[in-house]
Amino acid sequence: MTQTASDSLTPVGRLDPEDAQLALATVQEVLHRHKLVENLVHRQEQNDSRSELVEGLLHRQHEAELTALVNGLHPADIAFILESLPSDDRLLIWRLVGAEHDADVLLEVADWLRESLIEAMDRQDLVAATGTMDADELADLAPDLPPDVVAEVQKGLTIEERARLIEAMGYPDDSVGSIMDFEMVRVREDVSLEVVLRYLRRLPELPDHTDQIFVVDRQDKLLGTLTLSALLVNEPEVDVASVMSPDYLSLSPLDSDADAAGAFERYDLVSAPVVDELGRLVGRVTIAEVVDVIREDSDEQALSRTGMQEEDIFAPVTMALRNRAPWLLLNLCTAAIASFVASRFEDTVSTIVMLAFLMSIVAGIGGNSGNQTMTLIIRALAIGRITEKNVWQLVKREMLVTFLVGLVGSAVAAVFAWAISNSIPIAMVMMAAMICNMLIGATIGVLVPVVRTRFGKDPAMGSSVLLTFATDSLGFFIFLGLATIFLL
């Protein structure tokens, strides 16, 4: 018997990193097959009633097959499939997702997709899905939910849960408060470990990613942390105060989530407490939220360098144009300026035609050098290694490194220029211009991200466009200018 792709999926209850890709391929195959079969049935010359009956039966059969396939997946895999399908197929699959998965899938999907999925749900389904969420999860979705749905869900919350929701919604985006979790275990310092163990056994389950218990006083001020390993290896009669760790890393709700991610990476944390200005425990951040922050920041930086924002790859063309056109038009303007600079040396180029073949090399190498430097600087800024005190030292270092690399690279380029032009002066001009343009690229690669960060802007936003403009325009100017001075 032939094995289908769906037969190869990992059984429910087990997770496999290849499941998402395999499931996507299977869903696409099933959707394609269903469309072919239904089109064939629709084209057959049959009486209308019989044709509609057969088509309806096939449609229900196909939906049942897809329903069984999709609902056997992890919510994260369902979200991946939805993000990877065209709009029509996406909404079809979303209708087939079981109600028990709605909340988890809405939390897993990308921000650009969540709004359209919510619009495809009726009010009753939205209330049912969001009514099962914790306060921090609901706060993530609240900006995309209709106000009447948020109001309806709030009615079903306890006073404490409602206060948590309002608190979570009050924190700015990209702050620790916007990603912190309110679910955690806290105990008093004057109880024994046996009491703590009995308390834990009475809980339905431990909050996800619980690696430590937080020790607080009666005013909820954080006194220390009790790791699960310390709880298990010490004698039950021992008090919490004697085995807890008074040294811990805590975060403020107003800290940057990127700074929190850096702390998790630096200290190998699984979770960290969040305390307010009075030292009271208000929540915690876990590695799950930090991984999401790191991924989102990485995606944003990759897109920002070209001036783009995240978009649906199957979005209408008009939406894609609005996202891409502004920076492309800016790039066109910078390219026009570079061409204008080159045109000012028309007499030089017409006299020494070989220069036209070599000037693009000078501009390209300068841009590549600047991109290398800029990538390192943006990464260093993201993890907080660059400060006002060391930035000029960094500029000097990059200039020295670029100069030494430029000497080697320009020497090779000079040999190439001499080989094709049989002119030592042309080779020397190219060598000097290449070194100068590489130094310009390195300087721009350091200063643009640093200056943008200094003024509170994204250091990666449009940086490649600005770098290309500088290295192209100045590269042409330096190369052709030197050629005009020394070769004519």
Protein backbone atom coordinates (compact mmCIF):
# COMPACT_ATOMS: atom_id res chain seq x y z
CA MET A 1 0.00 0.00 0.00
CA THR A 2 1.38 3.43 -0.94
CA GLN A 3 2.18 5.71 1.98
CA THR A 4 0.85 9.26 1.69
CA ALA A 5 2.41 12.37 3.17
CA SER A 6 -0.26 12.51 5.85
CA ASP A 7 0.67 8.97 6.96
CA SER A 8 4.20 10.22 7.65
CA LEU A 9 3.16 12.90 10.12
CA THR A 10 4.25 12.42 13.69
CA PRO A 11 1.44 10.96 15.85
CA VAL A 12 -0.47 13.40 18.04
CA GLY A 13 1.31 13.87 21.37
CA ARG A 14 4.78 13.92 19.85
CA LEU A 15 6.47 16.94 18.32
CA ASP A 16 8.81 16.84 15.36
CA PRO A 17 10.53 19.92 13.86
CA GLU A 18 9.77 18.61 10.37
CA ASP A 19 6.04 18.30 11.03
CA ALA A 20 5.23 21.85 9.95
CA GLN A 21 6.93 21.53 6.57
CA LEU A 22 5.49 18.08 5.97
CA ALA A 23 2.01 19.16 7.02
CA LEU A 24 2.17 22.21 4.75
CA ALA A 25 3.14 20.07 1.77
CA THR A 26 0.32 17.65 2.59
CA VAL A 27 -2.28 20.41 2.92
CA GLN A 28 -1.17 21.96 -0.37
CA GLU A 29 -1.36 18.58 -2.07
CA VAL A 30 -4.84 17.88 -0.70
CA LEU A 31 -6.11 21.35 -1.65
CA HIS A 32 -4.76 20.96 -5.18
CA ARG A 33 -6.28 17.51 -5.57
CA HIS A 34 -9.62 18.67 -4.26
CA LYS A 35 -9.76 21.58 -6.70
CA LEU A 36 -8.97 19.31 -9.64
CA VAL A 37 -11.63 16.75 -8.70
CA GLU A 38 -14.31 19.35 -8.02
CA ASN A 39 -13.57 21.13 -11.32
CA LEU A 40 -13.89 17.85 -13.21
CA VAL A 41 -17.22 17.08 -11.58
CA HIS A 42 -18.44 20.60 -12.23
CA ARG A 43 -17.62 20.35 -15.95
CA GLN A 44 -19.32 17.02 -16.53
CA GLU A 45 -22.54 17.15 -18.51
CA GLN A 46 -24.99 15.96 -15.90
CA ASN A 47 -28.33 17.23 -14.73
CA ASP A 48 -27.95 20.09 -12.29
CA SER A 49 -29.35 18.33 -9.25
CA ARG A 50 -27.11 15.29 -9.60
CA SER A 51 -24.05 17.42 -10.32
CA GLU A 52 -24.69 19.59 -7.27
CA LEU A 53 -25.24 16.49 -5.11
CA VAL A 54 -21.96 14.86 -6.18
CA GLU A 55 -20.08 18.14 -5.84
CA GLY A 56 -21.49 18.69 -2.35
CA LEU A 57 -20.56 15.17 -1.23
CA LEU A 58 -17.02 15.56 -2.54
CA HIS A 59 -16.68 18.95 -0.88
CA ARG A 60 -17.73 17.56 2.51
CA GLN A 61 -15.40 14.60 2.08
CA HIS A 62 -12.49 16.88 1.27
CA GLU A 63 -13.24 19.16 4.23
CA ALA A 64 -13.37 16.15 6.55
CA GLU A 65 -9.95 15.02 5.30
CA LEU A 66 -8.43 18.46 5.84
CA THR A 67 -10.11 18.85 9.24
CA ALA A 68 -8.63 15.59 10.50
CA LEU A 69 -5.20 16.54 9.16
CA VAL A 70 -5.06 20.09 10.51
CA ASN A 71 -6.52 19.43 13.95
CA GLY A 72 -3.98 16.70 14.60
CA LEU A 73 -1.18 19.27 14.52
CA HIS A 74 0.38 21.48 17.17
CA PRO A 75 -1.05 25.05 17.18
CA ALA A 76 2.34 26.43 16.14
CA ASP A 77 2.32 24.16 13.09
CA ILE A 78 -1.23 25.25 12.24
CA ALA A 79 -0.09 28.87 12.45
CA PHE A 80 2.83 28.12 10.12
CA ILE A 81 0.49 26.55 7.56
CA LEU A 82 -1.89 29.52 7.69
CA GLU A 83 1.00 31.94 7.12
CA SER A 84 2.20 29.91 4.12
CA LEU A 85 -1.07 29.67 2.16
CA PRO A 86 -2.77 32.14 -0.22
CA SER A 87 -5.66 34.12 1.24
CA ASP A 88 -8.54 31.94 -0.03
CA ASP A 89 -6.95 28.65 1.03
CA ARG A 90 -5.90 30.22 4.33
CA LEU A 91 -9.47 31.16 5.25
CA LEU A 92 -10.71 27.71 4.22
CA ILE A 93 -8.22 26.01 6.56
CA TRP A 94 -8.97 28.51 9.34
CA ARG A 95 -12.67 27.58 9.20
CA LEU A 96 -11.71 23.94 9.69
CA VAL A 97 -9.53 24.54 12.77
CA GLY A 98 -11.25 23.22 15.89
CA ALA A 99 -12.55 25.71 18.44
CA GLU A 100 -10.22 24.22 21.05
CA HIS A 101 -7.22 25.42 18.98
CA ASP A 102 -8.49 28.91 18.11
CA ALA A 103 -6.92 30.72 21.07
CA ASP A 104 -3.51 29.07 20.75
CA VAL A 105 -3.35 29.61 16.99
CA LEU A 106 -4.26 33.30 17.31
CA LEU A 107 -1.40 33.71 19.77
CA GLU A 108 1.05 31.87 17.50
CA VAL A 109 0.37 33.56 14.15
CA ALA A 110 2.26 36.64 12.97
CA ASP A 111 0.78 40.05 13.72
CA TRP A 112 0.07 40.80 10.05
CA LEU A 113 -2.13 37.70 9.78
CA ARG A 114 -3.93 37.80 13.12
CA GLU A 115 -6.21 40.69 12.17
CA SER A 116 -7.60 38.93 9.08
CA LEU A 117 -8.21 35.71 11.03
CA ILE A 118 -10.11 37.63 13.71
CA GLU A 119 -12.21 39.33 11.04
CA ALA A 120 -13.17 35.90 9.68
CA MET A 121 -14.56 34.79 13.08
CA ASP A 122 -17.99 35.64 14.40
CA ARG A 123 -18.42 37.39 17.73
CA GLN A 124 -19.50 34.27 19.63
CA ASP A 125 -16.45 32.27 18.52
CA LEU A 126 -14.14 35.15 19.41
CA VAL A 127 -15.58 35.44 22.91
CA ALA A 128 -15.28 31.67 23.40
CA ALA A 129 -11.66 31.61 22.20
CA THR A 130 -10.42 34.63 24.14
CA GLY A 131 -12.37 33.74 27.27
CA THR A 132 -9.91 30.90 27.97
CA MET A 133 -6.81 33.11 27.79
CA ASP A 134 -4.71 34.39 30.64
CA ALA A 135 -4.57 38.15 31.24
CA ASP A 136 -1.15 38.54 29.59
CA GLU A 137 -2.26 36.56 26.53
CA LEU A 138 -5.47 38.56 26.23
CA ALA A 139 -3.48 41.79 26.46
CA ASP A 140 -1.45 40.69 23.42
CA LEU A 141 -4.62 40.20 21.37
CA ALA A 142 -6.69 43.11 22.72
CA PRO A 143 -5.48 45.70 20.15
CA ASP A 144 -6.72 43.46 17.32
CA LEU A 145 -10.04 42.49 18.93
CA PRO A 146 -13.33 44.38 18.50
CA PRO A 147 -14.00 46.55 21.58
CA ASP A 148 -17.29 44.78 22.31
CA VAL A 149 -15.50 41.42 22.43
CA VAL A 150 -12.91 42.77 24.88
CA ALA A 151 -15.71 44.19 27.04
CA GLU A 152 -17.59 40.88 26.97
CA VAL A 153 -14.50 38.89 27.94
CA GLN A 154 -13.73 41.29 30.79
CA LYS A 155 -17.12 40.53 32.32
CA GLY A 156 -16.05 36.93 32.79
CA LEU A 157 -12.79 37.81 34.54
CA THR A 158 -12.27 38.01 38.26
CA ILE A 159 -11.36 41.36 39.82
CA GLU A 160 -7.72 40.27 40.04
CA GLU A 161 -7.64 39.08 36.42
CA ARG A 162 -9.28 42.30 35.23
CA ALA A 163 -6.68 44.36 37.10
CA ARG A 164 -3.89 42.30 35.52
CA LEU A 165 -5.36 42.81 32.06
CA ILE A 166 -5.58 46.58 32.51
CA GLU A 167 -2.02 46.64 33.88
CA ALA A 168 -0.63 44.58 30.98
CA MET A 169 -2.39 46.74 28.38
CA GLY A 170 -0.92 49.86 29.96
CA TYR A 171 2.71 48.98 29.27
CA PRO A 172 4.34 50.25 26.06
CA ASP A 173 5.18 47.90 23.22
CA ASP A 174 8.68 46.40 23.27
CA SER A 175 8.80 46.64 27.08
CA VAL A 176 9.18 43.85 29.62
CA GLY A 177 5.69 44.62 30.92
CA SER A 178 4.18 43.83 27.52
CA ILE A 179 5.65 40.30 27.46
CA MET A 180 5.64 39.30 31.14
CA ASP A 181 3.59 36.40 32.45
CA PHE A 182 1.39 36.73 35.54
CA GLU A 183 1.29 32.98 36.21
CA MET A 184 3.97 32.02 38.76
CA VAL A 185 4.49 30.31 42.10
CA ARG A 186 5.25 32.42 45.18
CA VAL A 187 5.80 31.34 48.80
CA ARG A 188 6.71 32.88 52.16
CA GLU A 189 10.21 32.63 53.62
CA ASP A 190 9.08 31.29 57.01
CA VAL A 191 7.51 28.05 55.76
CA SER A 192 9.25 24.69 55.44
CA LEU A 193 10.08 22.94 52.21
CA GLU A 194 7.56 20.23 53.11
CA VAL A 195 4.80 22.85 53.17
CA VAL A 196 5.95 24.13 49.78
CA LEU A 197 5.88 20.61 48.32
CA ARG A 198 2.38 20.01 49.65
CA TYR A 199 1.28 23.33 48.16
CA LEU A 200 2.72 22.43 44.76
CA ARG A 201 0.99 19.05 44.76
CA ARG A 202 -2.36 20.79 45.23
CA LEU A 203 -1.89 22.83 42.06
CA PRO A 204 -3.49 21.48 38.86
CA GLU A 205 -0.16 22.04 37.11
CA LEU A 206 2.92 24.22 37.37
CA PRO A 207 3.11 27.31 35.16
CA ASP A 208 5.11 26.69 31.99
CA HIS A 209 8.89 27.04 32.25
CA THR A 210 8.89 27.03 36.05
CA ASP A 211 12.49 26.58 37.16
CA GLN A 212 12.29 28.61 40.38
CA ILE A 213 9.79 29.69 43.01
CA PHE A 214 9.68 33.31 44.14
CA VAL A 215 9.93 34.08 47.85
CA VAL A 216 7.95 37.16 48.93
CA ASP A 217 6.89 38.84 52.16
CA ARG A 218 3.32 39.81 53.09
CA GLN A 219 3.56 42.97 50.97
CA ASP A 220 4.60 40.86 47.95
CA LYS A 221 8.12 42.30 48.00
CA LEU A 222 10.57 39.89 46.42
CA LEU A 223 13.06 38.50 48.94
CA GLY A 224 14.75 35.78 46.89
CA THR A 225 14.28 32.74 44.70
CA LEU A 226 14.01 29.04 45.47
CA THR A 227 15.12 26.77 42.65
CA LEU A 228 13.31 23.49 42.11
CA SER A 229 16.60 21.64 42.55
CA ALA A 230 17.11 23.24 45.99
CA LEU A 231 13.54 22.33 46.89
CA LEU A 232 14.06 18.67 45.98
CA VAL A 233 17.56 17.96 47.34
CA ASN A 234 17.20 19.58 50.77
CA GLU A 235 15.50 18.06 53.81
CA PRO A 236 11.73 18.74 54.02
CA GLU A 237 12.05 20.24 57.52
CA VAL A 238 14.36 23.03 56.32
CA ASP A 239 12.88 26.53 56.11
CA VAL A 240 12.69 28.32 52.78
CA ALA A 241 14.72 31.24 54.17
CA SER A 242 17.76 29.03 54.76
CA VAL A 243 18.00 27.63 51.21
CA MET A 244 16.62 30.44 49.06
CA SER A 245 18.99 32.57 47.00
CA PRO A 246 18.91 36.27 47.95
CA ASP A 247 20.99 37.10 44.84
CA TYR A 248 18.87 37.18 41.72
CA LEU A 249 18.43 39.15 38.52
CA SER A 250 15.18 41.08 38.38
CA LEU A 251 13.62 43.15 35.62
CA SER A 252 11.48 46.26 35.63
CA PRO A 253 8.21 46.32 33.64
CA LEU A 254 9.53 49.38 31.81
CA ASP A 255 12.81 47.77 30.76
CA SER A 256 13.29 47.12 27.05
CA ASP A 257 12.40 43.59 25.99
CA ALA A 258 15.62 43.57 23.95
CA ASP A 259 17.61 44.28 27.13
CA ALA A 260 15.77 41.44 28.85
CA ALA A 261 16.66 39.12 25.97
CA GLY A 262 20.30 40.14 26.33
CA ALA A 263 20.20 39.33 30.06
CA PHE A 264 18.70 35.90 29.38
CA GLU A 265 21.40 35.19 26.83
CA ARG A 266 24.21 36.44 29.07
CA TYR A 267 23.18 34.60 32.24
CA ASP A 268 21.54 31.49 30.68
CA LEU A 269 18.21 32.20 32.37
CA VAL A 270 15.00 30.21 32.03
CA SER A 271 12.87 32.74 33.88
CA ALA A 272 13.36 36.05 35.68
CA PRO A 273 11.14 37.97 38.14
CA VAL A 274 9.66 41.36 37.25
CA VAL A 275 9.39 43.85 40.12
CA ASP A 276 7.93 47.36 40.27
CA GLU A 277 9.61 50.47 41.66
CA LEU A 278 8.71 49.40 45.22
CA GLY A 279 10.30 45.97 44.82
CA ARG A 280 6.97 44.13 44.64
CA LEU A 281 6.73 41.04 42.46
CA VAL A 282 4.35 41.77 39.57
CA GLY A 283 5.19 39.02 37.09
CA ARG A 284 7.92 37.06 35.40
CA VAL A 285 9.51 36.68 31.98
CA THR A 286 10.28 33.21 30.64
CA ILE A 287 12.54 31.89 27.92
CA ALA A 288 9.47 31.33 25.70
CA GLU A 289 8.77 35.07 25.47
CA VAL A 290 12.47 35.86 25.05
CA VAL A 291 12.81 33.51 22.07
CA ASP A 292 9.89 35.32 20.41
CA VAL A 293 11.52 38.70 21.08
CA ILE A 294 14.84 37.57 19.60
CA ARG A 295 13.13 36.18 16.49
CA GLU A 296 11.02 39.30 15.96
CA ASP A 297 13.99 41.63 16.44
CA SER A 298 16.03 39.58 13.98
CA ASP A 299 13.26 39.70 11.38
CA GLU A 300 12.77 43.44 11.87
CA GLN A 301 16.47 44.17 11.47
CA ALA A 302 16.71 42.10 8.29
CA LEU A 303 13.75 43.95 6.76
CA SER A 304 14.70 47.38 8.12
CA ARG A 305 18.03 47.42 6.32
CA THR A 306 16.14 47.59 3.03
CA GLY A 307 13.45 49.92 4.40
CA MET A 308 10.72 47.26 4.41
CA GLN A 309 8.18 46.06 6.94
CA GLU A 310 6.93 42.52 7.42
CA GLU A 311 4.24 41.66 4.90
CA ASP A 312 2.04 38.79 3.84
CA ILE A 313 3.82 37.12 0.92
CA PHE A 314 0.39 36.50 -0.62
CA ALA A 315 -0.94 40.00 0.08
CA PRO A 316 -2.55 41.97 -2.77
CA VAL A 317 -0.13 43.71 -5.10
CA THR A 318 -1.29 47.16 -3.95
CA MET A 319 -0.28 46.40 -0.36
CA ALA A 320 3.12 45.14 -1.48
CA LEU A 321 3.60 48.32 -3.50
CA ARG A 322 2.90 50.51 -0.47
CA ASN A 323 5.47 48.55 1.51
CA ARG A 324 8.25 48.47 -1.07
CA ALA A 325 7.82 51.46 -3.36
CA PRO A 326 8.93 54.32 -1.03
CA TRP A 327 12.42 53.01 -0.41
CA LEU A 328 12.82 51.82 -4.00
CA LEU A 329 11.98 55.33 -5.17
CA LEU A 330 14.50 56.73 -2.70
CA ASN A 331 17.05 54.25 -4.02
CA LEU A 332 16.25 55.43 -7.54
CA CYS A 333 16.95 59.01 -6.48
CA THR A 334 20.30 58.07 -4.94
CA ALA A 335 21.23 56.10 -8.07
CA ALA A 336 20.32 59.12 -10.18
CA ILE A 337 22.61 61.30 -8.06
CA ALA A 338 25.46 58.81 -8.51
CA SER A 339 24.87 58.82 -12.27
CA PHE A 340 24.85 62.62 -12.25
CA VAL A 341 28.22 62.64 -10.48
CA ALA A 342 29.65 60.29 -13.11
CA SER A 343 28.23 62.42 -15.93
CA ARG A 344 30.23 65.43 -14.71
CA PHE A 345 33.37 63.53 -15.79
CA GLU A 346 32.12 62.78 -19.29
CA ASP A 347 35.25 64.18 -20.93
CA THR A 348 37.50 62.06 -18.72
CA VAL A 349 35.59 58.84 -19.43
CA SER A 350 35.38 59.53 -23.17
CA THR A 351 39.14 60.10 -23.26
CA ILE A 352 40.04 57.01 -21.19
CA VAL A 353 37.27 54.53 -21.94
CA MET A 354 38.81 51.91 -19.63
CA LEU A 355 37.65 53.98 -16.63
CA ALA A 356 34.02 53.11 -17.41
CA PHE A 357 34.79 49.41 -16.85
CA LEU A 358 36.65 49.97 -13.58
CA MET A 359 34.57 52.55 -11.71
CA SER A 360 31.80 50.05 -10.83
CA ILE A 361 34.42 47.90 -9.08
CA VAL A 362 35.47 50.82 -6.90
CA ALA A 363 31.86 51.56 -5.92
CA GLY A 364 30.96 47.91 -5.34
CA ILE A 365 33.95 47.11 -3.11
CA GLY A 366 33.31 50.22 -1.03
CA GLY A 367 29.70 49.15 -0.52
CA ASN A 368 30.69 45.62 0.47
CA SER A 369 33.24 46.93 2.96
CA GLY A 370 30.63 49.22 4.49
CA ASN A 371 28.08 46.41 4.70
CA GLN A 372 30.53 44.25 6.64
CA THR A 373 31.17 47.02 9.13
CA MET A 374 27.50 47.98 9.38
CA THR A 375 26.44 44.39 10.11
CA LEU A 376 28.93 44.14 12.97
CA ILE A 377 27.89 47.52 14.40
CA ILE A 378 24.15 46.82 14.26
CA ARG A 379 24.72 43.49 16.01
CA ALA A 380 26.89 45.14 18.68
CA LEU A 381 24.26 47.84 19.24
CA ALA A 382 21.55 45.21 19.60
CA ILE A 383 23.37 43.51 22.47
CA GLY A 384 24.52 46.75 24.12
CA ARG A 385 28.27 46.53 23.50
CA ILE A 386 28.61 50.03 22.05
CA THR A 387 28.51 53.08 24.32
CA GLU A 388 29.31 56.77 23.91
CA LYS A 389 32.69 56.16 25.54
CA ASN A 390 33.91 53.47 23.15
CA VAL A 391 32.30 54.55 19.87
CA TRP A 392 35.24 56.66 18.69
CA GLN A 393 37.68 53.91 19.60
CA LEU A 394 35.54 51.63 17.49
CA VAL A 395 35.63 54.07 14.56
CA LYS A 396 39.44 54.18 14.72
CA ARG A 397 39.65 50.38 14.86
CA GLU A 398 37.34 49.93 11.87
CA MET A 399 39.28 52.52 9.90
CA LEU A 400 42.55 50.69 10.61
CA VAL A 401 41.10 47.27 9.76
CA THR A 402 39.52 48.63 6.58
CA PHE A 403 42.75 50.37 5.56
CA LEU A 404 44.77 47.16 5.94
CA VAL A 405 42.16 45.09 4.12
CA GLY A 406 41.95 47.83 1.50
CA LEU A 407 45.70 47.70 0.91
CA VAL A 408 45.54 44.01 0.10
CA GLY A 409 42.33 44.21 -1.93
CA SER A 410 43.32 47.32 -3.84
CA ALA A 411 46.71 45.80 -4.69
CA VAL A 412 44.93 42.85 -6.30
CA ALA A 413 42.56 45.26 -8.09
CA ALA A 414 45.52 47.34 -9.29
CA VAL A 415 47.14 44.27 -10.81
CA PHE A 416 43.86 43.49 -12.56
CA ALA A 417 43.54 47.08 -13.82
CA TRP A 418 47.14 47.04 -15.10
CA ALA A 419 46.55 43.68 -16.82
CA ILE A 420 43.55 44.89 -18.82
CA SER A 421 44.71 48.48 -19.45
CA ASN A 422 48.49 48.02 -19.63
CA SER A 423 48.74 51.31 -17.72
CA ILE A 424 50.44 51.68 -14.36
CA PRO A 425 48.93 55.16 -13.71
CA ILE A 426 45.40 53.76 -14.15
CA ALA A 427 46.26 50.92 -11.75
CA MET A 428 47.58 53.36 -9.13
CA VAL A 429 44.52 55.62 -9.44
CA MET A 430 42.24 52.63 -8.98
CA MET A 431 44.22 51.47 -5.94
CA ALA A 432 44.01 54.88 -4.26
CA ALA A 433 40.31 55.33 -5.07
CA MET A 434 39.43 51.89 -3.76
CA ILE A 435 41.18 52.46 -0.43
CA CYS A 436 39.47 55.83 -0.01
CA ASN A 437 36.03 54.46 -0.86
CA MET A 438 36.44 51.49 1.48
CA LEU A 439 37.33 53.90 4.29
CA ILE A 440 34.24 55.95 3.47
CA GLY A 441 32.10 52.80 3.53
CA ALA A 442 33.51 51.75 6.90
CA THR A 443 32.93 55.22 8.36
CA ILE A 444 29.33 55.30 7.13
CA GLY A 445 28.87 51.72 8.37
CA VAL A 446 29.77 52.81 11.91
CA LEU A 447 28.27 56.29 12.10
CA VAL A 448 24.84 55.74 10.51
CA PRO A 449 23.68 53.03 12.98
CA VAL A 450 25.26 54.80 15.97
CA VAL A 451 23.73 58.20 15.14
CA ARG A 452 20.29 56.70 14.48
CA THR A 453 20.46 54.86 17.80
CA ARG A 454 21.52 58.07 19.54
CA PHE A 455 18.30 59.74 18.35
CA GLY A 456 16.11 56.78 19.28
CA LYS A 457 15.71 55.42 15.74
CA ASP A 458 16.07 51.89 14.42
CA PRO A 459 19.78 51.58 13.50
CA ALA A 460 19.02 49.19 10.65
CA MET A 461 16.17 51.14 9.01
CA GLY A 462 17.23 52.01 5.45
CA SER A 463 20.91 51.75 6.34
CA SER A 464 21.79 49.82 3.18
CA VAL A 465 20.19 52.50 0.99
CA LEU A 466 22.19 55.27 2.68
CA LEU A 467 25.39 53.25 2.47
CA THR A 468 24.92 52.49 -1.23
CA PHE A 469 24.26 56.16 -1.94
CA ALA A 470 27.46 57.24 -0.19
CA THR A 471 29.79 54.61 -1.66
CA ASP A 472 28.42 54.94 -5.20
CA SER A 473 28.40 58.74 -5.39
CA LEU A 474 31.65 59.33 -3.55
CA GLY A 475 33.30 56.31 -5.16
CA PHE A 476 32.60 57.65 -8.65
CA PHE A 477 33.67 61.14 -7.61
CA ILE A 478 36.99 60.02 -6.07
CA PHE A 479 37.92 57.59 -8.85
CA LEU A 480 37.04 59.87 -11.75
CA GLY A 481 38.37 62.93 -9.92
CA LEU A 482 41.77 61.30 -9.38
CA ALA A 483 41.77 60.13 -12.98
CA THR A 484 41.06 63.68 -14.16
CA ILE A 485 43.91 65.08 -12.05
CA PHE A 486 46.61 62.48 -12.74
CA LEU A 487 45.75 60.89 -16.08
CA LEU A 488 44.74 63.82 -18.27
